[in-house]
Amino acid sequence: MKECSFEKVDEKVYVETLSNGIDVYLYPTNKTKNFYISISVKYGARINKYKVGNEIVNVIPGSAHFLEHKVMALSENISVSKRINELGSLANAWTNYYGTNYNIFGSINLIENLKLLLDIFYNTDINEKNVLEEKGIIGEEIDMYKDDINSFMYNSLFNNLFNSSYVKSSVVGERSDIEKITAKSLNKIYDDYYVPNNTFIIVTGNFDPEEVSNIIHEYMDRLKLKKKNIPARITDKENENVNVAYEEIKKDSENIRVKYAIKMKKNRFNFKSDVFLRYYISIILSCNFSSSSSLYEKYKNEGLIISMSSGVNIIDDYVVIIVSATCNDGNKFIERIKEDIKKISLNKIEFERKKKLFLKSYILDFDNIEDIEYNICESILIDGKVDFNEYSQIKNMNYKTALSILKSIKYDNTSIIRTIK
């Protein structure tokens, strides 16, 4: 095992890659008696087409999430579910566009919980009967997301912004998609992507790293799994123009909700790191649209908004900036934001203050083993690696670069979605 340290906080992580290609990250700490274990696969909803040999596989939207349900099928694996409950542990799973994570949180017998989680992941039974039974459950989950106005608006907005990108489909898919999914299609994905060299294990909490490493080695030796070629993801060329520039959604709501988005080619920023491009743009947006900004205060005093926030997404070759607002007059807000967003600015004092908040957040994340696991997992899924020197890189972020990024923002390629009563 290689010992790595997160700088500034001097928190150690033991990292190793097993002979079958699976990566293991062990974070031992005596700050807590609890533990958090996860096994993740680098397969998420953004893979909607891929190639294996000469075969092109078109993935049905919602498949990654459906597969998560069938792997973490505790209602079908009664003995495993019963034992997890007896240990007082909590088992869960989640899927996003970049990957799928299976996890157990507990405080008693980490080793047994680890084996149980590995059993869940590697002893999957996907057949037509249990796939058919799951469709009703997932259909209800889809309806739940549609009832959540914020999730529904985000999904609709990304569908409007893009022409062929994976974000045109939500992670959970539509009911019409779910009906097309079969045991055969899910087993195909499992066999192609749920392979050791596309998988990683994270263990955080109070434990002996050598003992846990030995258990993982022994388990993998019994499975005798080998590396496989990971299929090549196929992406369709995305048109720079937005698909739909304006949409109104009728929803029963006391207040009007608006999302105003700008879509730009990423290469216009000429910036190597997606991570720090997101950080820089996040600081710029926070300075202009957060509750402490002058524009927020101005809109609030005028009675224009009830709340306002902003965010940035990097989707393949594109950067998307979104300003969201809850307001009383949707037309007036849209009219104002169209002009005011072109005037956003950045001063050095505010930039340095926001940077200090990033540094503070970085340190505070190490107070919680779940946050540590999640940050490691997301770094691997989205950025392909764990950056143990991120603190100094945040500290070295500079005002001149931020101004350069601000000047590179292009404001004319927009899509708006809003609710109407």
Protein backbone atom coordinates (compact mmCIF):
# COMPACT_ATOMS: atom_id res chain seq x y z
CA MET A 1 0.00 0.00 0.00
CA LYS A 2 1.12 3.49 -0.80
CA GLU A 3 0.68 6.09 1.94
CA CYS A 4 -0.66 9.40 0.65
CA SER A 5 -1.41 12.51 2.69
CA PHE A 6 -3.91 15.29 2.09
CA GLU A 7 -1.79 18.38 2.57
CA LYS A 8 -2.48 20.95 5.27
CA VAL A 9 -4.70 18.57 7.27
CA ASP A 10 -2.09 15.77 7.13
CA GLU A 11 -4.81 13.12 6.83
CA LYS A 12 -3.45 9.83 5.49
CA VAL A 13 -5.00 7.57 2.86
CA TYR A 14 -3.56 4.18 1.95
CA VAL A 15 -3.89 3.46 -1.76
CA GLU A 16 -3.27 0.29 -3.72
CA THR A 17 -4.24 -1.33 -6.99
CA LEU A 18 -4.82 -5.07 -6.81
CA SER A 19 -3.57 -7.47 -9.49
CA ASN A 20 -7.07 -7.63 -11.01
CA GLY A 21 -7.10 -3.84 -11.41
CA ILE A 22 -9.47 -2.83 -8.61
CA ASP A 23 -8.34 0.31 -6.74
CA VAL A 24 -8.57 0.48 -2.95
CA TYR A 25 -8.57 3.67 -0.82
CA LEU A 26 -8.32 3.23 2.95
CA TYR A 27 -8.77 6.21 5.28
CA PRO A 28 -8.27 5.16 8.94
CA THR A 29 -9.04 7.63 11.71
CA ASN A 30 -9.59 7.52 15.46
CA LYS A 31 -11.93 10.53 15.34
CA THR A 32 -14.94 8.24 15.23
CA LYS A 33 -16.08 4.72 16.14
CA ASN A 34 -18.16 4.50 12.97
CA PHE A 35 -17.17 3.40 9.48
CA TYR A 36 -18.33 4.06 5.96
CA ILE A 37 -17.60 1.49 3.23
CA SER A 38 -18.33 1.82 -0.46
CA ILE A 39 -17.69 0.05 -3.73
CA SER A 40 -18.17 2.13 -6.85
CA VAL A 41 -18.18 1.47 -10.57
CA LYS A 42 -17.23 4.05 -13.19
CA TYR A 43 -20.45 3.57 -15.08
CA GLY A 44 -23.23 6.14 -14.91
CA ALA A 45 -26.05 7.65 -16.92
CA ARG A 46 -23.76 9.66 -19.22
CA ILE A 47 -22.81 6.48 -21.10
CA ASN A 48 -25.68 6.19 -23.56
CA LYS A 49 -23.69 4.49 -26.32
CA TYR A 50 -20.52 2.42 -26.28
CA LYS A 51 -18.44 0.04 -28.36
CA VAL A 52 -17.26 -3.48 -27.48
CA GLY A 53 -15.06 -4.91 -30.20
CA ASN A 54 -17.03 -4.30 -33.37
CA GLU A 55 -20.38 -4.10 -31.54
CA ILE A 56 -22.12 -0.76 -30.94
CA VAL A 57 -24.36 -0.86 -27.87
CA ASN A 58 -27.15 1.73 -27.50
CA VAL A 59 -28.05 2.10 -23.84
CA ILE A 60 -31.69 2.69 -22.85
CA PRO A 61 -31.95 5.86 -20.70
CA GLY A 62 -32.33 5.01 -17.01
CA SER A 63 -30.35 1.76 -17.32
CA ALA A 64 -27.53 2.74 -14.94
CA HIS A 65 -30.05 3.61 -12.22
CA PHE A 66 -32.13 0.48 -12.92
CA LEU A 67 -28.98 -1.65 -12.64
CA GLU A 68 -28.24 -0.03 -9.27
CA HIS A 69 -31.64 -1.24 -8.06
CA LYS A 70 -30.97 -4.79 -9.20
CA VAL A 71 -27.48 -4.96 -7.67
CA MET A 72 -28.61 -3.46 -4.34
CA ALA A 73 -31.66 -5.74 -4.26
CA LEU A 74 -31.89 -6.25 -0.50
CA SER A 75 -35.61 -7.06 -0.64
CA GLU A 76 -34.70 -10.14 -2.71
CA ASN A 77 -31.64 -11.10 -0.65
CA ILE A 78 -33.37 -11.65 2.67
CA SER A 79 -30.46 -13.23 4.54
CA VAL A 80 -28.02 -10.41 3.69
CA SER A 81 -30.63 -7.76 4.47
CA LYS A 82 -31.44 -9.42 7.80
CA ARG A 83 -27.77 -9.59 8.81
CA ILE A 84 -27.18 -5.91 7.92
CA ASN A 85 -30.14 -4.98 10.12
CA GLU A 86 -28.86 -7.19 12.97
CA LEU A 87 -25.54 -5.33 12.84
CA GLY A 88 -27.39 -2.03 13.04
CA SER A 89 -25.88 -0.92 9.74
CA LEU A 90 -27.43 1.07 6.91
CA ALA A 91 -27.01 -0.01 3.28
CA ASN A 92 -27.69 2.35 0.42
CA ALA A 93 -26.77 3.15 -3.18
CA TRP A 94 -26.85 6.07 -5.59
CA THR A 95 -26.32 6.71 -9.28
CA ASN A 96 -25.36 9.89 -11.09
CA TYR A 97 -24.18 10.63 -14.62
CA TYR A 98 -20.61 9.56 -13.82
CA GLY A 99 -20.95 6.39 -11.78
CA THR A 100 -22.77 4.20 -9.28
CA ASN A 101 -21.93 3.84 -5.59
CA TYR A 102 -22.95 1.06 -3.18
CA ASN A 103 -22.32 1.73 0.50
CA ILE A 104 -22.77 0.61 4.09
CA PHE A 105 -22.56 2.83 7.17
CA GLY A 106 -22.16 1.23 10.58
CA SER A 107 -20.37 1.00 13.91
CA ILE A 108 -20.17 -2.75 14.64
CA ASN A 109 -17.97 -5.31 12.87
CA LEU A 110 -16.53 -3.46 9.88
CA ILE A 111 -15.04 -6.66 8.42
CA GLU A 112 -18.37 -8.49 8.23
CA ASN A 113 -20.05 -5.40 6.76
CA LEU A 114 -17.31 -5.18 4.14
CA LYS A 115 -17.83 -8.80 3.14
CA LEU A 116 -21.60 -8.27 3.00
CA LEU A 117 -21.18 -5.29 0.68
CA LEU A 118 -18.84 -7.24 -1.59
CA ASP A 119 -21.34 -10.12 -1.60
CA ILE A 120 -24.08 -7.72 -2.70
CA PHE A 121 -21.94 -6.33 -5.52
CA TYR A 122 -20.58 -9.61 -6.84
CA ASN A 123 -23.57 -11.96 -6.37
CA THR A 124 -26.12 -10.24 -8.54
CA ASP A 125 -29.10 -12.16 -9.91
CA ILE A 126 -30.83 -10.24 -12.69
CA ASN A 127 -33.67 -12.11 -14.38
CA GLU A 128 -36.79 -11.17 -16.32
CA LYS A 129 -39.09 -11.78 -13.34
CA ASN A 130 -37.31 -9.47 -10.88
CA VAL A 131 -36.70 -6.85 -13.59
CA LEU A 132 -40.42 -6.75 -14.37
CA GLU A 133 -41.24 -6.45 -10.66
CA GLU A 134 -38.79 -3.55 -10.27
CA LYS A 135 -40.34 -1.47 -13.06
CA GLY A 136 -43.28 -0.40 -10.92
CA ILE A 137 -40.98 0.72 -8.08
CA ILE A 138 -38.75 2.74 -10.41
CA GLY A 139 -41.81 4.19 -12.15
CA GLU A 140 -42.95 5.59 -8.80
CA GLU A 141 -39.47 7.05 -8.24
CA ILE A 142 -39.64 8.75 -11.66
CA ASP A 143 -43.01 10.27 -10.73
CA MET A 144 -41.56 11.48 -7.44
CA TYR A 145 -38.74 13.34 -9.26
CA LYS A 146 -41.27 14.89 -11.64
CA ASP A 147 -43.28 16.14 -8.67
CA ASP A 148 -40.17 17.87 -7.30
CA ILE A 149 -40.30 21.19 -9.14
CA ASN A 150 -36.60 21.95 -8.84
CA SER A 151 -35.48 18.55 -10.20
CA PHE A 152 -38.09 18.70 -12.95
CA MET A 153 -36.97 22.17 -14.04
CA TYR A 154 -33.28 21.21 -14.09
CA ASN A 155 -33.98 18.13 -16.22
CA SER A 156 -36.15 20.17 -18.59
CA LEU A 157 -33.54 22.95 -18.79
CA PHE A 158 -30.71 20.60 -19.74
CA ASN A 159 -32.95 18.97 -22.33
CA ASN A 160 -33.51 22.44 -23.79
CA LEU A 161 -29.85 23.47 -23.64
CA PHE A 162 -28.49 20.44 -25.47
CA ASN A 163 -29.19 18.71 -28.74
CA SER A 164 -27.54 15.28 -28.40
CA SER A 165 -25.80 15.23 -24.99
CA TYR A 166 -26.41 12.60 -22.32
CA VAL A 167 -28.00 15.26 -20.08
CA LYS A 168 -31.05 15.31 -22.34
CA SER A 169 -32.12 12.22 -20.40
CA SER A 170 -32.42 12.25 -16.62
CA VAL A 171 -30.49 9.70 -14.55
CA VAL A 172 -33.70 7.80 -13.73
CA GLY A 173 -35.11 7.98 -17.28
CA GLU A 174 -38.76 8.11 -18.28
CA ARG A 175 -41.45 5.50 -17.73
CA SER A 176 -41.40 4.80 -21.47
CA ASP A 177 -37.64 4.08 -21.23
CA ILE A 178 -38.03 1.77 -18.25
CA GLU A 179 -40.53 -0.39 -20.13
CA LYS A 180 -37.85 -1.19 -22.74
CA ILE A 181 -35.23 -2.34 -20.21
CA THR A 182 -34.74 -6.10 -19.99
CA ALA A 183 -32.69 -8.50 -17.89
CA LYS A 184 -30.58 -9.14 -20.98
CA SER A 185 -29.76 -5.44 -21.47
CA LEU A 186 -28.86 -4.99 -17.78
CA ASN A 187 -26.70 -8.12 -17.65
CA LYS A 188 -24.90 -6.87 -20.76
CA ILE A 189 -23.96 -3.61 -19.01
CA TYR A 190 -23.00 -5.46 -15.82
CA ASP A 191 -20.70 -7.80 -17.73
CA ASP A 192 -19.12 -4.97 -19.75
CA TYR A 193 -18.61 -2.35 -17.02
CA TYR A 194 -18.83 -4.00 -13.58
CA VAL A 195 -15.28 -5.29 -13.90
CA PRO A 196 -12.41 -4.95 -11.40
CA ASN A 197 -10.36 -2.39 -13.36
CA ASN A 198 -13.44 -0.17 -13.64
CA THR A 199 -14.22 -0.41 -9.92
CA PHE A 200 -12.85 1.03 -6.68
CA ILE A 201 -13.36 0.45 -2.96
CA ILE A 202 -13.25 3.16 -0.29
CA VAL A 203 -13.18 2.47 3.45
CA THR A 204 -13.25 5.33 5.96
CA GLY A 205 -13.45 5.15 9.75
CA ASN A 206 -11.80 3.52 12.74
CA PHE A 207 -10.01 0.38 11.51
CA ASP A 208 -6.66 -1.25 10.88
CA PRO A 209 -5.78 -0.66 7.20
CA GLU A 210 -3.58 -3.74 6.96
CA GLU A 211 -6.36 -5.99 8.26
CA VAL A 212 -8.91 -4.50 5.84
CA SER A 213 -6.47 -4.74 2.93
CA ASN A 214 -5.87 -8.43 3.68
CA ILE A 215 -9.62 -9.13 3.73
CA ILE A 216 -10.09 -7.45 0.34
CA HIS A 217 -7.13 -9.37 -1.11
CA GLU A 218 -8.50 -12.69 0.19
CA TYR A 219 -11.98 -11.96 -1.16
CA MET A 220 -10.67 -11.02 -4.61
CA ASP A 221 -8.37 -14.05 -4.71
CA ARG A 222 -11.41 -16.31 -4.19
CA LEU A 223 -13.35 -14.61 -7.01
CA LYS A 224 -10.44 -14.97 -9.44
CA LEU A 225 -11.71 -12.03 -11.46
CA LYS A 226 -9.41 -10.63 -14.13
CA LYS A 227 -8.98 -7.33 -15.89
CA LYS A 228 -11.11 -6.71 -18.95
CA ASN A 229 -10.99 -4.12 -21.69
CA ILE A 230 -13.33 -1.30 -20.68
CA PRO A 231 -15.70 -0.38 -23.52
CA ALA A 232 -15.12 2.90 -25.32
CA ARG A 233 -17.81 5.50 -24.70
CA ILE A 234 -19.30 6.92 -27.90
CA THR A 235 -20.54 10.52 -27.93
CA ASP A 236 -22.47 12.29 -30.66
CA LYS A 237 -21.21 15.69 -31.75
CA GLU A 238 -23.05 18.41 -29.84
CA ASN A 239 -24.34 21.51 -31.64
CA GLU A 240 -23.23 24.73 -29.93
CA ASN A 241 -26.64 26.39 -30.25
CA VAL A 242 -29.27 25.66 -27.63
CA ASN A 243 -32.10 23.32 -28.57
CA VAL A 244 -34.95 25.37 -27.04
CA ALA A 245 -34.43 29.01 -26.06
CA TYR A 246 -37.56 29.50 -23.93
CA GLU A 247 -40.11 27.28 -22.23
CA GLU A 248 -42.99 27.84 -19.84
CA ILE A 249 -44.14 25.12 -17.45
CA LYS A 250 -47.51 25.27 -15.78
CA LYS A 251 -47.16 24.29 -12.13
CA ASP A 252 -49.31 24.96 -9.09
CA SER A 253 -47.02 27.22 -7.12
CA GLU A 254 -47.54 30.42 -5.18
CA ASN A 255 -44.36 31.95 -6.58
CA ILE A 256 -42.78 32.00 -10.02
CA ARG A 257 -39.55 30.05 -10.55
CA VAL A 258 -37.07 30.95 -13.26
CA LYS A 259 -33.85 29.31 -14.45
CA TYR A 260 -31.67 31.35 -16.79
CA ALA A 261 -28.82 29.41 -18.42
CA ILE A 262 -25.84 30.23 -20.62
CA LYS A 263 -24.15 27.54 -22.73
CA MET A 264 -20.53 28.03 -23.88
CA LYS A 265 -17.78 25.97 -25.48
CA LYS A 266 -15.26 25.02 -22.79
CA ASN A 267 -12.25 25.70 -25.02
CA ARG A 268 -12.95 29.44 -25.01
CA PHE A 269 -11.53 29.54 -21.47
CA ASN A 270 -8.26 27.86 -22.51
CA PHE A 271 -8.04 26.24 -19.08
CA LYS A 272 -6.57 22.77 -18.48
CA SER A 273 -8.26 21.76 -15.22
CA ASP A 274 -12.04 21.27 -15.19
CA VAL A 275 -11.91 21.22 -11.38
CA PHE A 276 -10.39 24.66 -11.06
CA LEU A 277 -12.35 26.11 -13.95
CA ARG A 278 -15.44 25.17 -11.92
CA TYR A 279 -13.89 26.73 -8.81
CA TYR A 280 -13.07 30.01 -10.53
CA ILE A 281 -16.50 30.34 -12.14
CA SER A 282 -18.18 29.38 -8.86
CA ILE A 283 -16.37 32.23 -7.09
CA ILE A 284 -17.36 34.68 -9.83
CA LEU A 285 -20.99 33.60 -9.60
CA SER A 286 -21.02 33.66 -5.80
CA CYS A 287 -19.68 37.22 -5.79
CA ASN A 288 -22.53 38.32 -8.04
CA PHE A 289 -25.56 36.18 -7.22
CA SER A 290 -25.25 34.85 -3.66
CA SER A 291 -27.29 36.26 -0.77
CA SER A 292 -24.32 38.46 0.20
CA SER A 293 -24.01 40.09 -3.25
CA SER A 294 -25.07 43.65 -4.07
CA LEU A 295 -27.28 42.47 -6.95
CA TYR A 296 -29.12 40.09 -4.64
CA GLU A 297 -29.68 42.90 -2.15
CA LYS A 298 -30.85 45.23 -4.91
CA TYR A 299 -33.34 42.71 -6.32
CA LYS A 300 -34.56 41.88 -2.82
CA ASN A 301 -35.13 45.52 -1.86
CA GLU A 302 -37.08 46.08 -5.08
CA GLY A 303 -39.29 43.09 -4.30
CA LEU A 304 -38.11 41.41 -7.51
CA ILE A 305 -36.95 38.15 -5.93
CA ILE A 306 -37.67 35.96 -2.94
CA SER A 307 -34.45 34.01 -3.41
CA MET A 308 -31.68 33.65 -5.98
CA SER A 309 -28.75 31.27 -6.50
CA SER A 310 -26.30 30.23 -9.20
CA GLY A 311 -24.21 27.27 -10.31
CA VAL A 312 -21.85 25.99 -12.97
CA ASN A 313 -21.75 22.63 -14.77
CA ILE A 314 -19.13 21.25 -17.14
CA ILE A 315 -20.70 18.78 -19.55
CA ASP A 316 -18.17 17.23 -21.93
CA ASP A 317 -16.99 20.14 -24.10
CA TYR A 318 -19.41 22.72 -22.71
CA VAL A 319 -19.72 25.02 -19.71
CA VAL A 320 -23.20 25.88 -18.46
CA ILE A 321 -23.88 28.74 -16.05
CA ILE A 322 -27.31 28.80 -14.38
CA VAL A 323 -28.97 31.55 -12.36
CA SER A 324 -32.08 30.37 -10.50
CA ALA A 325 -34.66 32.58 -8.83
CA THR A 326 -37.95 32.42 -7.03
CA CYS A 327 -39.76 35.66 -7.78
CA ASN A 328 -43.11 37.40 -7.88
CA ASP A 329 -42.87 38.68 -11.47
CA GLY A 330 -41.16 36.23 -13.82
CA ASN A 331 -41.22 38.53 -16.85
CA LYS A 332 -39.60 41.40 -14.98
CA PHE A 333 -36.89 39.16 -13.51
CA ILE A 334 -36.02 37.72 -16.93
CA GLU A 335 -35.88 41.20 -18.41
CA ARG A 336 -33.52 42.41 -15.70
CA ILE A 337 -31.25 39.36 -15.51
CA LYS A 338 -30.69 39.43 -19.27
CA GLU A 339 -29.04 42.82 -18.86
CA ASP A 340 -27.49 42.54 -15.40
CA ILE A 341 -25.72 39.24 -16.05
CA LYS A 342 -23.64 40.98 -18.72
CA LYS A 343 -22.42 43.43 -16.07
CA ILE A 344 -21.11 40.95 -13.51
CA SER A 345 -17.80 41.95 -12.01
CA LEU A 346 -15.15 40.83 -9.55
CA ASN A 347 -13.01 42.76 -7.11
CA LYS A 348 -9.86 41.39 -5.51
CA ILE A 349 -11.02 41.66 -1.89
CA GLU A 350 -14.18 39.68 -2.58
CA PHE A 351 -12.26 37.10 -4.62
CA GLU A 352 -9.81 36.49 -1.77
CA ARG A 353 -12.63 36.23 0.74
CA LYS A 354 -14.43 33.59 -1.33
CA LYS A 355 -11.17 31.69 -1.81
CA LYS A 356 -10.73 31.54 1.97
CA LEU A 357 -14.19 29.97 2.22
CA PHE A 358 -13.07 27.26 -0.24
CA LEU A 359 -10.02 26.58 1.94
CA LYS A 360 -12.14 26.47 5.09
CA SER A 361 -14.58 24.05 3.47
CA TYR A 362 -11.71 21.83 2.37
CA ILE A 363 -10.52 21.50 5.99
CA LEU A 364 -13.99 21.08 7.52
CA ASP A 365 -14.80 18.18 5.18
CA PHE A 366 -12.32 16.06 7.13
CA ASP A 367 -14.53 16.21 10.22
CA ASN A 368 -16.96 13.70 8.68
CA ILE A 369 -16.03 10.25 7.31
CA GLU A 370 -19.05 10.29 4.97
CA ASP A 371 -17.88 13.58 3.45
CA ILE A 372 -14.38 12.18 3.01
CA GLU A 373 -15.73 9.08 1.26
CA TYR A 374 -18.00 11.16 -0.96
CA ASN A 375 -15.23 13.60 -1.92
CA ILE A 376 -12.82 10.80 -2.81
CA CYS A 377 -15.53 9.01 -4.79
CA GLU A 378 -16.63 12.10 -6.72
CA SER A 379 -13.03 13.04 -7.51
CA ILE A 380 -12.40 9.62 -9.03
CA LEU A 381 -15.68 9.49 -10.95
CA ILE A 382 -15.61 13.03 -12.32
CA ASP A 383 -11.92 13.94 -12.47
CA GLY A 384 -10.35 10.50 -12.71
CA LYS A 385 -8.08 10.88 -9.68
CA VAL A 386 -7.73 12.05 -6.09
CA ASP A 387 -5.76 15.29 -5.77
CA PHE A 388 -3.86 15.20 -2.49
CA ASN A 389 -2.44 18.69 -3.11
CA GLU A 390 -5.70 20.49 -3.71
CA TYR A 391 -5.27 22.82 -0.73
CA SER A 392 -2.16 24.52 -2.16
CA GLN A 393 -3.77 24.70 -5.59
CA ILE A 394 -6.79 26.49 -4.12
CA LYS A 395 -4.45 28.77 -2.20
CA ASN A 396 -2.61 29.57 -5.46
CA MET A 397 -5.77 30.58 -7.29
CA ASN A 398 -5.22 34.18 -8.33
CA TYR A 399 -7.28 37.23 -9.12
CA LYS A 400 -5.65 37.79 -12.53
CA THR A 401 -6.73 34.34 -13.73
CA ALA A 402 -10.23 34.92 -12.36
CA LEU A 403 -10.50 38.16 -14.35
CA SER A 404 -9.35 36.36 -17.49
CA ILE A 405 -12.06 33.73 -17.02
CA LEU A 406 -14.67 36.42 -16.35
CA LYS A 407 -13.73 38.18 -19.60
CA SER A 408 -14.10 34.90 -21.51
CA ILE A 409 -17.73 34.37 -20.53
CA LYS A 410 -20.04 34.65 -23.52
CA TYR A 411 -23.59 35.73 -22.75
CA ASP A 412 -25.59 35.34 -25.96
CA ASN A 413 -26.32 31.58 -26.13
CA THR A 414 -29.11 31.22 -23.56
CA SER A 415 -32.05 29.08 -22.57
CA ILE A 416 -34.76 30.08 -20.10
CA ILE A 417 -37.29 27.94 -18.32
CA ARG A 418 -39.97 29.33 -16.01
CA THR A 419 -43.15 28.35 -14.29
CA ILE A 420 -46.49 30.03 -14.92
CA LYS A 421 -49.56 29.90 -12.75
